[in-house]
Amino acid sequence: EVTGQLRAPFIVQGGQVFINYAMIDTAFIQNLVLGMTLRSSAVNAKGQPLLEINIPQGMLTLRSSGAGGSTTLNNNGLLVLDEADSVRLRAGNLALLKSGS
């Protein structure tokens, strides 16, 4: 979209480089510190990302590409849901491991 506004592709501030938008084919990163949630661009039939890594919560979720359920692993245990989001397997600290957490 052409708006007539000037946008800097990157800014150097306080010894850090901030990039507005980047597409990188291959990257070799020595030390990567993440503080956000990473989500795949591919989604399932429910519109949810097939892979979701929630760094602050220490949680990894893998979803079926169709409507076939999901598997979540976090610091409380392992949770497997079927296509109707019914619990099929729950292992670990059962008091803390709940659907969607």
Protein backbone atom coordinates (compact mmCIF):
# COMPACT_ATOMS: atom_id res chain seq x y z
CA GLU A 1 0.00 0.00 0.00
CA VAL A 2 1.38 3.40 -0.92
CA THR A 3 0.61 5.97 1.78
CA GLY A 4 3.20 8.63 1.06
CA GLN A 5 4.70 8.12 4.51
CA LEU A 6 8.43 7.56 4.82
CA ARG A 7 9.30 4.41 6.78
CA ALA A 8 12.80 3.46 7.83
CA PRO A 9 13.62 -0.18 7.03
CA PHE A 10 15.69 -0.39 10.22
CA ILE A 11 16.72 1.79 13.16
CA VAL A 12 19.90 1.68 15.23
CA GLN A 13 19.24 2.81 18.78
CA GLY A 14 21.32 2.31 21.91
CA GLY A 15 23.61 -0.20 20.19
CA GLN A 16 20.67 -2.33 19.01
CA VAL A 17 19.27 -2.76 15.50
CA PHE A 18 15.49 -2.82 15.10
CA ILE A 19 14.19 -4.21 11.79
CA ASN A 20 10.62 -3.43 10.79
CA TYR A 21 10.10 -6.49 8.56
CA ALA A 22 12.50 -9.18 7.39
CA MET A 23 12.35 -12.34 5.32
CA ILE A 24 15.41 -14.49 5.90
CA ASP A 25 16.11 -17.60 3.86
CA THR A 26 18.79 -19.12 6.08
CA ALA A 27 20.10 -17.91 9.42
CA PHE A 28 22.75 -19.30 11.71
CA ILE A 29 22.30 -17.70 15.13
CA GLN A 30 24.86 -18.34 17.85
CA ASN A 31 22.68 -17.25 20.80
CA LEU A 32 18.91 -16.67 20.54
CA VAL A 33 16.88 -15.39 23.48
CA LEU A 34 13.11 -15.58 23.04
CA GLY A 35 10.44 -13.98 25.17
CA MET A 36 7.32 -14.47 23.08
CA THR A 37 5.09 -17.11 21.53
CA LEU A 38 6.18 -18.68 18.24
CA ARG A 39 3.38 -19.93 15.97
CA SER A 40 3.46 -21.73 12.64
CA SER A 41 1.80 -20.01 9.71
CA ALA A 42 0.07 -23.31 8.86
CA VAL A 43 -3.21 -23.76 10.72
CA ASN A 44 -5.60 -26.63 11.36
CA ALA A 45 -9.30 -26.85 10.44
CA LYS A 46 -10.13 -24.78 13.54
CA GLY A 47 -7.77 -21.96 12.51
CA GLN A 48 -5.23 -22.78 15.22
CA PRO A 49 -1.48 -22.96 14.45
CA LEU A 50 -0.15 -26.50 13.92
CA LEU A 51 2.85 -25.68 16.10
CA GLU A 52 2.82 -23.23 18.99
CA ILE A 53 5.69 -22.63 21.40
CA ASN A 54 4.77 -20.34 24.28
CA ILE A 55 8.17 -19.37 25.67
CA PRO A 56 6.99 -17.42 28.77
CA GLN A 57 4.76 -20.34 29.87
CA GLY A 58 7.22 -23.07 28.84
CA MET A 59 4.57 -24.80 26.72
CA LEU A 60 4.72 -26.67 23.41
CA THR A 61 1.52 -27.53 21.50
CA LEU A 62 1.31 -29.69 18.37
CA ARG A 63 -2.00 -29.87 16.51
CA SER A 64 -3.34 -32.16 13.82
CA SER A 65 -3.53 -30.53 10.39
CA GLY A 66 -7.23 -31.45 10.20
CA ALA A 67 -9.61 -31.37 13.12
CA GLY A 68 -7.88 -34.30 14.81
CA GLY A 69 -6.85 -33.00 18.22
CA SER A 70 -3.68 -31.78 19.86
CA THR A 71 -0.81 -32.62 22.18
CA THR A 72 0.46 -30.13 24.76
CA LEU A 73 3.65 -30.50 26.78
CA ASN A 74 4.54 -28.07 29.56
CA ASN A 75 6.31 -28.04 32.90
CA ASN A 76 3.23 -29.65 34.53
CA GLY A 77 3.00 -32.65 32.21
CA LEU A 78 1.51 -33.96 28.98
CA LEU A 79 -2.04 -33.47 27.70
CA VAL A 80 -3.53 -35.16 24.61
CA LEU A 81 -6.93 -34.03 23.28
CA ASP A 82 -9.02 -35.65 20.54
CA GLU A 83 -10.88 -33.86 17.73
CA ALA A 84 -13.71 -32.93 20.14
CA ASP A 85 -11.19 -31.48 22.64
CA SER A 86 -11.90 -34.37 25.04
CA VAL A 87 -8.96 -35.44 27.20
CA ARG A 88 -7.45 -38.72 25.96
CA LEU A 89 -4.25 -38.66 28.03
CA ARG A 90 -3.16 -36.59 30.99
CA ALA A 91 0.18 -37.30 32.67
CA GLY A 92 2.17 -35.33 35.22
CA ASN A 93 0.90 -32.94 37.87
CA LEU A 94 -2.81 -33.54 37.29
CA ALA A 95 -3.89 -30.77 39.65
CA LEU A 96 -2.16 -28.18 37.44
CA LEU A 97 -2.43 -29.72 33.96
CA LYS A 98 -5.72 -28.59 32.44
CA SER A 99 -7.09 -28.36 28.93
CA GLY A 100 -5.73 -25.26 27.19
CA SER A 101 -3.13 -24.46 29.86
